[in-house]
Amino acid sequence: MKILISTALALFFLTGLSTVSAVPPGMDISWEHPMGAVTFSGQTHMEKGNQCMDCHKDNFEQKKGTAKMTMAGMNEGKWCGSCHNGDKAFSTKDPTNCMTCHKQK
């Protein structure tokens, strides 16, 4: 009986976690894009000293699929562009950086 309860609780928390945290540390999320797939690495960003709430406080809701990102918005400092502005991290405005995120198959 204890095993059943433990398993049920584990599934409950894992299911709840997946709806709250789209990219926990150590995991990636990818988007298909005509310029090439973009993969966000939670681990890479954590290794750079970022915390989840650095982005999720003001830039992203904590629900997968709620951000309708555009390059124009990023170039205005929204979403990834809030850090990828040329000061804190490489700039989304610099066309030589496109392939840093957009990977052709």
PDB file of N, CA and C in Angstrom:
ATOM      1  N   MET A   1       0.819  -1.193   0.000  1.00  0.00           N
ATOM      2  CA  MET A   1       0.000   0.000   0.000  1.00  0.00           C
ATOM      3  C   MET A   1       0.865   1.261   0.000  1.00  0.00           C
ATOM      4  N   LYS A   2       1.978   1.249   0.767  1.00  0.00           N
ATOM      5  CA  LYS A   2       2.877   2.412   0.812  1.00  0.00           C
ATOM      6  C   LYS A   2       3.484   2.671  -0.561  1.00  0.00           C
ATOM      7  N   ILE A   3       3.799   1.595  -1.283  1.00  0.00           N
ATOM      8  CA  ILE A   3       4.377   1.748  -2.618  1.00  0.00           C
ATOM      9  C   ILE A   3       3.363   2.390  -3.552  1.00  0.00           C
ATOM     10  N   LEU A   4       2.114   1.988  -3.473  1.00  0.00           N
ATOM     11  CA  LEU A   4       1.067   2.561  -4.311  1.00  0.00           C
ATOM     12  C   LEU A   4       0.893   4.051  -4.028  1.00  0.00           C
ATOM     13  N   ILE A   5       0.872   4.419  -2.775  1.00  0.00           N
ATOM     14  CA  ILE A   5       0.725   5.822  -2.393  1.00  0.00           C
ATOM     15  C   ILE A   5       1.939   6.628  -2.850  1.00  0.00           C
ATOM     16  N   SER A   6       3.125   6.071  -2.639  1.00  0.00           N
ATOM     17  CA  SER A   6       4.350   6.759  -3.063  1.00  0.00           C
ATOM     18  C   SER A   6       4.367   6.964  -4.569  1.00  0.00           C
ATOM     19  N   THR A   7       3.975   5.957  -5.313  1.00  0.00           N
ATOM     20  CA  THR A   7       3.938   6.053  -6.770  1.00  0.00           C
ATOM     21  C   THR A   7       2.917   7.097  -7.215  1.00  0.00           C
ATOM     22  N   ALA A   8       1.740   7.084  -6.590  1.00  0.00           N
ATOM     23  CA  ALA A   8       0.702   8.055  -6.935  1.00  0.00           C
ATOM     24  C   ALA A   8       1.173   9.479  -6.647  1.00  0.00           C
ATOM     25  N   LEU A   9       1.811   9.686  -5.509  1.00  0.00           N
ATOM     26  CA  LEU A   9       2.326  11.016  -5.177  1.00  0.00           C
ATOM     27  C   LEU A   9       3.413  11.453  -6.147  1.00  0.00           C
ATOM     28  N   ALA A  10       4.301  10.541  -6.501  1.00  0.00           N
ATOM     29  CA  ALA A  10       5.371  10.864  -7.455  1.00  0.00           C
ATOM     30  C   ALA A  10       4.780  11.278  -8.800  1.00  0.00           C
ATOM     31  N   LEU A  11       3.789  10.518  -9.284  1.00  0.00           N
ATOM     32  CA  LEU A  11       3.147  10.864 -10.550  1.00  0.00           C
ATOM     33  C   LEU A  11       2.426  12.203 -10.468  1.00  0.00           C
ATOM     34  N   PHE A  12       1.781  12.468  -9.348  1.00  0.00           N
ATOM     35  CA  PHE A  12       1.093  13.736  -9.157  1.00  0.00           C
ATOM     36  C   PHE A  12       2.074  14.905  -9.250  1.00  0.00           C
ATOM     37  N   PHE A  13       3.189  14.801  -8.532  1.00  0.00           N
ATOM     38  CA  PHE A  13       4.164  15.893  -8.535  1.00  0.00           C
ATOM     39  C   PHE A  13       4.867  16.025  -9.880  1.00  0.00           C
ATOM     40  N   LEU A  14       5.173  14.916 -10.532  1.00  0.00           N
ATOM     41  CA  LEU A  14       5.811  14.991 -11.842  1.00  0.00           C
ATOM     42  C   LEU A  14       4.873  15.586 -12.878  1.00  0.00           C
ATOM     43  N   THR A  15       3.613  15.216 -12.838  1.00  0.00           N
ATOM     44  CA  THR A  15       2.634  15.778 -13.766  1.00  0.00           C
ATOM     45  C   THR A  15       2.460  17.261 -13.502  1.00  0.00           C
ATOM     46  N   GLY A  16       2.336  17.646 -12.257  1.00  0.00           N
ATOM     47  CA  GLY A  16       2.203  19.058 -11.902  1.00  0.00           C
ATOM     48  C   GLY A  16       3.423  19.852 -12.282  1.00  0.00           C
ATOM     49  N   LEU A  17       4.602  19.281 -12.091  1.00  0.00           N
ATOM     50  CA  LEU A  17       5.840  19.965 -12.425  1.00  0.00           C
ATOM     51  C   LEU A  17       5.941  20.223 -13.919  1.00  0.00           C
ATOM     52  N   SER A  18       5.499  19.279 -14.729  1.00  0.00           N
ATOM     53  CA  SER A  18       5.628  19.451 -16.173  1.00  0.00           C
ATOM     54  C   SER A  18       4.733  20.571 -16.688  1.00  0.00           C
ATOM     55  N   THR A  19       3.633  20.852 -16.011  1.00  0.00           N
ATOM     56  CA  THR A  19       2.775  21.934 -16.468  1.00  0.00           C
ATOM     57  C   THR A  19       3.245  23.282 -15.948  1.00  0.00           C
ATOM     58  N   VAL A  20       4.040  23.283 -14.889  1.00  0.00           N
ATOM     59  CA  VAL A  20       4.522  24.534 -14.314  1.00  0.00           C
ATOM     60  C   VAL A  20       5.860  24.916 -14.915  1.00  0.00           C
ATOM     61  N   SER A  21       6.773  23.974 -15.041  1.00  0.00           N
ATOM     62  CA  SER A  21       8.131  24.255 -15.485  1.00  0.00           C
ATOM     63  C   SER A  21       8.371  23.614 -16.842  1.00  0.00           C
ATOM     64  N   ALA A  22       8.364  24.412 -17.895  1.00  0.00           N
ATOM     65  CA  ALA A  22       8.520  23.887 -19.243  1.00  0.00           C
ATOM     66  C   ALA A  22       9.915  23.325 -19.482  1.00  0.00           C
ATOM     67  N   VAL A  23      10.944  23.930 -18.910  1.00  0.00           N
ATOM     68  CA  VAL A  23      12.319  23.497 -19.153  1.00  0.00           C
ATOM     69  C   VAL A  23      13.081  23.460 -17.837  1.00  0.00           C
ATOM     70  N   PRO A  24      12.939  22.376 -17.080  1.00  0.00           N
ATOM     71  CA  PRO A  24      13.711  22.300 -15.845  1.00  0.00           C
ATOM     72  C   PRO A  24      15.197  22.134 -16.156  1.00  0.00           C
ATOM     73  N   PRO A  25      16.058  22.452 -15.195  1.00  0.00           N
ATOM     74  CA  PRO A  25      17.493  22.282 -15.426  1.00  0.00           C
ATOM     75  C   PRO A  25      17.809  20.873 -15.898  1.00  0.00           C
ATOM     76  N   GLY A  26      18.660  20.779 -16.893  1.00  0.00           N
ATOM     77  CA  GLY A  26      19.049  19.479 -17.431  1.00  0.00           C
ATOM     78  C   GLY A  26      18.199  19.042 -18.605  1.00  0.00           C
ATOM     79  N   MET A  27      17.172  19.817 -18.958  1.00  0.00           N
ATOM     80  CA  MET A  27      16.316  19.458 -20.079  1.00  0.00           C
ATOM     81  C   MET A  27      16.334  20.561 -21.125  1.00  0.00           C
ATOM     82  N   ASP A  28      15.926  20.200 -22.333  1.00  0.00           N
ATOM     83  CA  ASP A  28      15.863  21.136 -23.445  1.00  0.00           C
ATOM     84  C   ASP A  28      14.433  21.215 -23.963  1.00  0.00           C
ATOM     85  N   ILE A  29      14.145  22.306 -24.638  1.00  0.00           N
ATOM     86  CA  ILE A  29      12.892  22.436 -25.372  1.00  0.00           C
ATOM     87  C   ILE A  29      13.247  22.979 -26.743  1.00  0.00           C
ATOM     88  N   SER A  30      12.575  22.475 -27.781  1.00  0.00           N
ATOM     89  CA  SER A  30      12.898  22.880 -29.151  1.00  0.00           C
ATOM     90  C   SER A  30      11.660  23.379 -29.870  1.00  0.00           C
ATOM     91  N   TRP A  31      11.897  24.289 -30.803  1.00  0.00           N
ATOM     92  CA  TRP A  31      10.852  24.818 -31.669  1.00  0.00           C
ATOM     93  C   TRP A  31      11.307  24.654 -33.100  1.00  0.00           C
ATOM     94  N   GLU A  32      10.411  24.256 -33.965  1.00  0.00           N
ATOM     95  CA  GLU A  32      10.713  24.225 -35.395  1.00  0.00           C
ATOM     96  C   GLU A  32      10.529  25.631 -35.936  1.00  0.00           C
ATOM     97  N   HIS A  33      11.414  26.016 -36.838  1.00  0.00           N
ATOM     98  CA  HIS A  33      11.360  27.355 -37.422  1.00  0.00           C
ATOM     99  C   HIS A  33      11.918  27.261 -38.837  1.00  0.00           C
ATOM    100  N   PRO A  34      11.377  28.035 -39.783  1.00  0.00           N
ATOM    101  CA  PRO A  34      11.894  27.984 -41.161  1.00  0.00           C
ATOM    102  C   PRO A  34      13.395  28.264 -41.274  1.00  0.00           C
ATOM    103  N   MET A  35      13.945  29.077 -40.358  1.00  0.00           N
ATOM    104  CA  MET A  35      15.378  29.381 -40.386  1.00  0.00           C
ATOM    105  C   MET A  35      16.216  28.271 -39.748  1.00  0.00           C
ATOM    106  N   GLY A  36      15.546  27.280 -39.162  1.00  0.00           N
ATOM    107  CA  GLY A  36      16.224  26.186 -38.480  1.00  0.00           C
ATOM    108  C   GLY A  36      15.683  26.035 -37.073  1.00  0.00           C
ATOM    109  N   ALA A  37      15.666  24.825 -36.586  1.00  0.00           N
ATOM    110  CA  ALA A  37      15.127  24.541 -35.258  1.00  0.00           C
ATOM    111  C   ALA A  37      15.907  25.300 -34.184  1.00  0.00           C
ATOM    112  N   VAL A  38      15.193  25.767 -33.185  1.00  0.00           N
ATOM    113  CA  VAL A  38      15.801  26.468 -32.054  1.00  0.00           C
ATOM    114  C   VAL A  38      15.630  25.592 -30.822  1.00  0.00           C
ATOM    115  N   THR A  39      16.721  25.354 -30.112  1.00  0.00           N
ATOM    116  CA  THR A  39      16.681  24.567 -28.891  1.00  0.00           C
ATOM    117  C   THR A  39      17.142  25.422 -27.732  1.00  0.00           C
ATOM    118  N   PHE A  40      16.304  25.479 -26.692  1.00  0.00           N
ATOM    119  CA  PHE A  40      16.661  26.179 -25.467  1.00  0.00           C
ATOM    120  C   PHE A  40      17.120  25.133 -24.463  1.00  0.00           C
ATOM    121  N   SER A  41      18.311  25.314 -23.934  1.00  0.00           N
ATOM    122  CA  SER A  41      18.859  24.403 -22.930  1.00  0.00           C
ATOM    123  C   SER A  41      18.761  25.032 -21.545  1.00  0.00           C
ATOM    124  N   GLY A  42      17.912  24.460 -20.705  1.00  0.00           N
ATOM    125  CA  GLY A  42      17.821  24.922 -19.325  1.00  0.00           C
ATOM    126  C   GLY A  42      19.153  24.756 -18.610  1.00  0.00           C
ATOM    127  N   GLN A  43      19.856  23.665 -18.900  1.00  0.00           N
ATOM    128  CA  GLN A  43      21.139  23.388 -18.251  1.00  0.00           C
ATOM    129  C   GLN A  43      22.184  24.433 -18.627  1.00  0.00           C
ATOM    130  N   THR A  44      22.296  24.755 -19.917  1.00  0.00           N
ATOM    131  CA  THR A  44      23.275  25.745 -20.362  1.00  0.00           C
ATOM    132  C   THR A  44      23.031  27.086 -19.690  1.00  0.00           C
ATOM    133  N   HIS A  45      21.776  27.492 -19.609  1.00  0.00           N
ATOM    134  CA  HIS A  45      21.462  28.774 -18.995  1.00  0.00           C
ATOM    135  C   HIS A  45      21.716  28.753 -17.492  1.00  0.00           C
ATOM    136  N   MET A  46      21.467  27.628 -16.827  1.00  0.00           N
ATOM    137  CA  MET A  46      21.761  27.512 -15.399  1.00  0.00           C
ATOM    138  C   MET A  46      23.279  27.565 -15.166  1.00  0.00           C
ATOM    139  N   GLU A  47      24.047  26.936 -16.057  1.00  0.00           N
ATOM    140  CA  GLU A  47      25.507  26.947 -15.927  1.00  0.00           C
ATOM    141  C   GLU A  47      26.075  28.358 -16.089  1.00  0.00           C
ATOM    142  N   LYS A  48      25.358  29.233 -16.773  1.00  0.00           N
ATOM    143  CA  LYS A  48      25.785  30.630 -16.937  1.00  0.00           C
ATOM    144  C   LYS A  48      25.392  31.483 -15.735  1.00  0.00           C
ATOM    145  N   GLY A  49      24.762  30.858 -14.744  1.00  0.00           N
ATOM    146  CA  GLY A  49      24.404  31.568 -13.527  1.00  0.00           C
ATOM    147  C   GLY A  49      22.977  32.085 -13.483  1.00  0.00           C
ATOM    148  N   ASN A  50      22.180  31.717 -14.465  1.00  0.00           N
ATOM    149  CA  ASN A  50      20.785  32.152 -14.489  1.00  0.00           C
ATOM    150  C   ASN A  50      19.928  31.246 -13.620  1.00  0.00           C
ATOM    151  N   GLN A  51      18.892  31.822 -13.060  1.00  0.00           N
ATOM    152  CA  GLN A  51      17.891  31.074 -12.308  1.00  0.00           C
ATOM    153  C   GLN A  51      16.593  31.116 -13.112  1.00  0.00           C
ATOM    154  N   CYS A  52      15.727  30.151 -12.899  1.00  0.00           N
ATOM    155  CA  CYS A  52      14.476  30.076 -13.662  1.00  0.00           C
ATOM    156  C   CYS A  52      13.696  31.384 -13.609  1.00  0.00           C
ATOM    157  N   MET A  53      13.594  31.975 -12.422  1.00  0.00           N
ATOM    158  CA  MET A  53      12.785  33.183 -12.270  1.00  0.00           C
ATOM    159  C   MET A  53      13.424  34.413 -12.913  1.00  0.00           C
ATOM    160  N   ASP A  54      14.711  34.322 -13.316  1.00  0.00           N
ATOM    161  CA  ASP A  54      15.314  35.440 -14.038  1.00  0.00           C
ATOM    162  C   ASP A  54      14.513  35.727 -15.311  1.00  0.00           C
ATOM    163  N   CYS A  55      14.012  34.686 -15.937  1.00  0.00           N
ATOM    164  CA  CYS A  55      13.196  34.861 -17.144  1.00  0.00           C
ATOM    165  C   CYS A  55      11.707  34.760 -16.848  1.00  0.00           C
ATOM    166  N   HIS A  56      11.348  33.830 -15.988  1.00  0.00           N
ATOM    167  CA  HIS A  56       9.924  33.572 -15.775  1.00  0.00           C
ATOM    168  C   HIS A  56       9.231  34.599 -14.889  1.00  0.00           C
ATOM    169  N   LYS A  57       9.984  35.488 -14.283  1.00  0.00           N
ATOM    170  CA  LYS A  57       9.352  36.542 -13.476  1.00  0.00           C
ATOM    171  C   LYS A  57       8.681  37.566 -14.377  1.00  0.00           C
ATOM    172  N   ASP A  58       9.379  38.008 -15.426  1.00  0.00           N
ATOM    173  CA  ASP A  58       8.863  39.082 -16.262  1.00  0.00           C
ATOM    174  C   ASP A  58       8.709  38.721 -17.743  1.00  0.00           C
ATOM    175  N   ASN A  59       9.478  37.744 -18.237  1.00  0.00           N
ATOM    176  CA  ASN A  59       9.533  37.492 -19.675  1.00  0.00           C
ATOM    177  C   ASN A  59       8.644  36.366 -20.173  1.00  0.00           C
ATOM    178  N   PHE A  60       8.447  35.361 -19.352  1.00  0.00           N
ATOM    179  CA  PHE A  60       7.684  34.192 -19.772  1.00  0.00           C
ATOM    180  C   PHE A  60       6.742  33.770 -18.660  1.00  0.00           C
ATOM    181  N   GLU A  61       5.550  33.322 -19.047  1.00  0.00           N
ATOM    182  CA  GLU A  61       4.682  32.677 -18.077  1.00  0.00           C
ATOM    183  C   GLU A  61       5.264  31.294 -17.800  1.00  0.00           C
ATOM    184  N   GLN A  62       4.833  30.681 -16.725  1.00  0.00           N
ATOM    185  CA  GLN A  62       5.345  29.357 -16.393  1.00  0.00           C
ATOM    186  C   GLN A  62       4.425  28.275 -16.941  1.00  0.00           C
ATOM    187  N   LYS A  63       4.069  28.413 -18.196  1.00  0.00           N
ATOM    188  CA  LYS A  63       3.249  27.411 -18.846  1.00  0.00           C
ATOM    189  C   LYS A  63       3.720  27.267 -20.279  1.00  0.00           C
ATOM    190  N   LYS A  64       4.067  26.063 -20.656  1.00  0.00           N
ATOM    191  CA  LYS A  64       4.577  25.779 -21.985  1.00  0.00           C
ATOM    192  C   LYS A  64       3.576  26.221 -23.053  1.00  0.00           C
ATOM    193  N   GLY A  65       4.086  26.879 -24.072  1.00  0.00           N
ATOM    194  CA  GLY A  65       3.272  27.262 -25.210  1.00  0.00           C
ATOM    195  C   GLY A  65       2.604  28.616 -25.099  1.00  0.00           C
ATOM    196  N   THR A  66       2.847  29.349 -24.029  1.00  0.00           N
ATOM    197  CA  THR A  66       2.178  30.639 -23.865  1.00  0.00           C
ATOM    198  C   THR A  66       2.941  31.793 -24.512  1.00  0.00           C
ATOM    199  N   ALA A  67       4.214  31.618 -24.798  1.00  0.00           N
ATOM    200  CA  ALA A  67       5.011  32.694 -25.411  1.00  0.00           C
ATOM    201  C   ALA A  67       4.947  32.565 -26.929  1.00  0.00           C
ATOM    202  N   LYS A  68       4.446  33.572 -27.583  1.00  0.00           N
ATOM    203  CA  LYS A  68       4.398  33.614 -29.053  1.00  0.00           C
ATOM    204  C   LYS A  68       5.528  34.532 -29.509  1.00  0.00           C
ATOM    205  N   MET A  69       6.737  33.993 -29.458  1.00  0.00           N
ATOM    206  CA  MET A  69       7.935  34.796 -29.691  1.00  0.00           C
ATOM    207  C   MET A  69       8.117  35.145 -31.163  1.00  0.00           C
ATOM    208  N   THR A  70       8.637  36.338 -31.383  1.00  0.00           N
ATOM    209  CA  THR A  70       9.026  36.788 -32.721  1.00  0.00           C
ATOM    210  C   THR A  70      10.405  37.436 -32.615  1.00  0.00           C
ATOM    211  N   MET A  71      11.131  37.448 -33.710  1.00  0.00           N
ATOM    212  CA  MET A  71      12.434  38.104 -33.704  1.00  0.00           C
ATOM    213  C   MET A  71      12.268  39.600 -33.487  1.00  0.00           C
ATOM    214  N   ALA A  72      11.216  40.186 -34.036  1.00  0.00           N
ATOM    215  CA  ALA A  72      10.979  41.617 -33.831  1.00  0.00           C
ATOM    216  C   ALA A  72      10.816  41.915 -32.344  1.00  0.00           C
ATOM    217  N   GLY A  73      10.059  41.078 -31.655  1.00  0.00           N
ATOM    218  CA  GLY A  73       9.880  41.256 -30.212  1.00  0.00           C
ATOM    219  C   GLY A  73      11.181  41.071 -29.452  1.00  0.00           C
ATOM    220  N   MET A  74      11.955  40.063 -29.836  1.00  0.00           N
ATOM    221  CA  MET A  74      13.241  39.844 -29.171  1.00  0.00           C
ATOM    222  C   MET A  74      14.165  41.035 -29.379  1.00  0.00           C
ATOM    223  N   ASN A  75      14.151  41.567 -30.595  1.00  0.00           N
ATOM    224  CA  ASN A  75      14.998  42.722 -30.888  1.00  0.00           C
ATOM    225  C   ASN A  75      14.564  43.976 -30.134  1.00  0.00           C
ATOM    226  N   GLU A  76      13.326  43.978 -29.643  1.00  0.00           N
ATOM    227  CA  GLU A  76      12.819  45.073 -28.808  1.00  0.00           C
ATOM    228  C   GLU A  76      13.071  44.808 -27.322  1.00  0.00           C
ATOM    229  N   GLY A  77      13.729  43.676 -27.007  1.00  0.00           N
ATOM    230  CA  GLY A  77      14.049  43.363 -25.621  1.00  0.00           C
ATOM    231  C   GLY A  77      13.064  42.456 -24.919  1.00  0.00           C
ATOM    232  N   LYS A  78      12.180  41.829 -25.674  1.00  0.00           N
ATOM    233  CA  LYS A  78      11.233  40.884 -25.081  1.00  0.00           C
ATOM    234  C   LYS A  78      11.823  39.478 -25.109  1.00  0.00           C
ATOM    235  N   TRP A  79      11.282  38.606 -24.283  1.00  0.00           N
ATOM    236  CA  TRP A  79      11.637  37.192 -24.222  1.00  0.00           C
ATOM    237  C   TRP A  79      13.157  37.016 -24.136  1.00  0.00           C
ATOM    238  N   CYS A  80      13.737  36.260 -25.044  1.00  0.00           N
ATOM    239  CA  CYS A  80      15.184  36.006 -25.037  1.00  0.00           C
ATOM    240  C   CYS A  80      15.974  37.303 -25.193  1.00  0.00           C
ATOM    241  N   GLY A  81      15.396  38.258 -25.907  1.00  0.00           N
ATOM    242  CA  GLY A  81      16.063  39.527 -26.171  1.00  0.00           C
ATOM    243  C   GLY A  81      16.289  40.375 -24.935  1.00  0.00           C
ATOM    244  N   SER A  82      15.647  40.024 -23.811  1.00  0.00           N
ATOM    245  CA  SER A  82      15.887  40.795 -22.589  1.00  0.00           C
ATOM    246  C   SER A  82      17.312  40.584 -22.081  1.00  0.00           C
ATOM    247  N   CYS A  83      17.892  39.443 -22.360  1.00  0.00           N
ATOM    248  CA  CYS A  83      19.312  39.193 -22.013  1.00  0.00           C
ATOM    249  C   CYS A  83      20.191  39.176 -23.265  1.00  0.00           C
ATOM    250  N   HIS A  84      19.666  38.636 -24.350  1.00  0.00           N
ATOM    251  CA  HIS A  84      20.444  38.542 -25.585  1.00  0.00           C
ATOM    252  C   HIS A  84      20.346  39.868 -26.338  1.00  0.00           C
ATOM    253  N   ASN A  85      20.960  40.881 -25.708  1.00  0.00           N
ATOM    254  CA  ASN A  85      20.890  42.255 -26.211  1.00  0.00           C
ATOM    255  C   ASN A  85      22.269  42.821 -26.550  1.00  0.00           C
ATOM    256  N   GLY A  86      23.300  41.984 -26.463  1.00  0.00           N
ATOM    257  CA  GLY A  86      24.663  42.448 -26.742  1.00  0.00           C
ATOM    258  C   GLY A  86      25.400  42.892 -25.502  1.00  0.00           C
ATOM    259  N   ASP A  87      24.698  43.077 -24.392  1.00  0.00           N
ATOM    260  CA  ASP A  87      25.344  43.456 -23.132  1.00  0.00           C
ATOM    261  C   ASP A  87      25.540  42.227 -22.244  1.00  0.00           C
ATOM    262  N   LYS A  88      24.455  41.569 -21.902  1.00  0.00           N
ATOM    263  CA  LYS A  88      24.538  40.404 -21.020  1.00  0.00           C
ATOM    264  C   LYS A  88      24.922  39.140 -21.795  1.00  0.00           C
ATOM    265  N   ALA A  89      24.413  39.017 -23.000  1.00  0.00           N
ATOM    266  CA  ALA A  89      24.699  37.854 -23.858  1.00  0.00           C
ATOM    267  C   ALA A  89      24.690  38.338 -25.306  1.00  0.00           C
ATOM    268  N   PHE A  90      25.073  37.465 -26.219  1.00  0.00           N
ATOM    269  CA  PHE A  90      25.119  37.861 -27.630  1.00  0.00           C
ATOM    270  C   PHE A  90      23.775  38.443 -28.067  1.00  0.00           C
ATOM    271  N   SER A  91      23.815  39.331 -29.039  1.00  0.00           N
ATOM    272  CA  SER A  91      22.629  40.067 -29.456  1.00  0.00           C
ATOM    273  C   SER A  91      21.822  39.320 -30.516  1.00  0.00           C
ATOM    274  N   THR A  92      20.494  39.327 -30.338  1.00  0.00           N
ATOM    275  CA  THR A  92      19.608  38.774 -31.363  1.00  0.00           C
ATOM    276  C   THR A  92      19.556  39.670 -32.590  1.00  0.00           C
ATOM    277  N   LYS A  93      19.986  40.911 -32.465  1.00  0.00           N
ATOM    278  CA  LYS A  93      19.957  41.860 -33.586  1.00  0.00           C
ATOM    279  C   LYS A  93      21.095  41.636 -34.575  1.00  0.00           C
ATOM    280  N   ASP A  94      22.159  40.997 -34.131  1.00  0.00           N
ATOM    281  CA  ASP A  94      23.344  40.796 -34.967  1.00  0.00           C
ATOM    282  C   ASP A  94      23.124  39.587 -35.879  1.00  0.00           C
ATOM    283  N   PRO A  95      23.036  39.798 -37.198  1.00  0.00           N
ATOM    284  CA  PRO A  95      22.757  38.685 -38.107  1.00  0.00           C
ATOM    285  C   PRO A  95      23.833  37.603 -38.114  1.00  0.00           C
ATOM    286  N   THR A  96      25.023  37.900 -37.624  1.00  0.00           N
ATOM    287  CA  THR A  96      26.057  36.859 -37.565  1.00  0.00           C
ATOM    288  C   THR A  96      25.770  35.859 -36.445  1.00  0.00           C
ATOM    289  N   ASN A  97      24.797  36.146 -35.578  1.00  0.00           N
ATOM    290  CA  ASN A  97      24.448  35.238 -34.481  1.00  0.00           C
ATOM    291  C   ASN A  97      23.268  34.326 -34.781  1.00  0.00           C
ATOM    292  N   CYS A  98      22.644  34.463 -35.946  1.00  0.00           N
ATOM    293  CA  CYS A  98      21.434  33.683 -36.248  1.00  0.00           C
ATOM    294  C   CYS A  98      21.636  32.185 -36.026  1.00  0.00           C
ATOM    295  N   MET A  99      22.731  31.661 -36.530  1.00  0.00           N
ATOM    296  CA  MET A  99      22.953  30.218 -36.464  1.00  0.00           C
ATOM    297  C   MET A  99      23.382  29.742 -35.070  1.00  0.00           C
ATOM    298  N   THR A 100      23.582  30.682 -34.161  1.00  0.00           N
ATOM    299  CA  THR A 100      23.853  30.292 -32.777  1.00  0.00           C
ATOM    300  C   THR A 100      22.633  29.583 -32.204  1.00  0.00           C
ATOM    301  N   CYS A 101      21.450  30.050 -32.570  1.00  0.00           N
ATOM    302  CA  CYS A 101      20.209  29.446 -32.088  1.00  0.00           C
ATOM    303  C   CYS A 101      19.501  28.613 -33.145  1.00  0.00           C
ATOM    304  N   HIS A 102      19.488  29.099 -34.382  1.00  0.00           N
ATOM    305  CA  HIS A 102      18.782  28.411 -35.465  1.00  0.00           C
ATOM    306  C   HIS A 102      19.714  27.379 -36.097  1.00  0.00           C
ATOM    307  N   LYS A 103      19.371  26.105 -35.935  1.00  0.00           N
ATOM    308  CA  LYS A 103      20.204  25.018 -36.454  1.00  0.00           C
ATOM    309  C   LYS A 103      19.498  24.331 -37.619  1.00  0.00           C
ATOM    310  N   GLN A 104      20.158  24.335 -38.786  1.00  0.00           N
ATOM    311  CA  GLN A 104      19.635  23.641 -39.952  1.00  0.00           C
ATOM    312  C   GLN A 104      19.886  22.159 -39.808  1.00  0.00           C
ATOM    313  N   LYS A 105      18.970  21.369 -40.293  1.00  0.00           N
ATOM    314  CA  LYS A 105      19.134  19.904 -40.234  1.00  0.00           C
ATOM    315  C   LYS A 105      20.032  19.422 -41.324  1.00  0.00           C
TER     316      LYS A 105
END
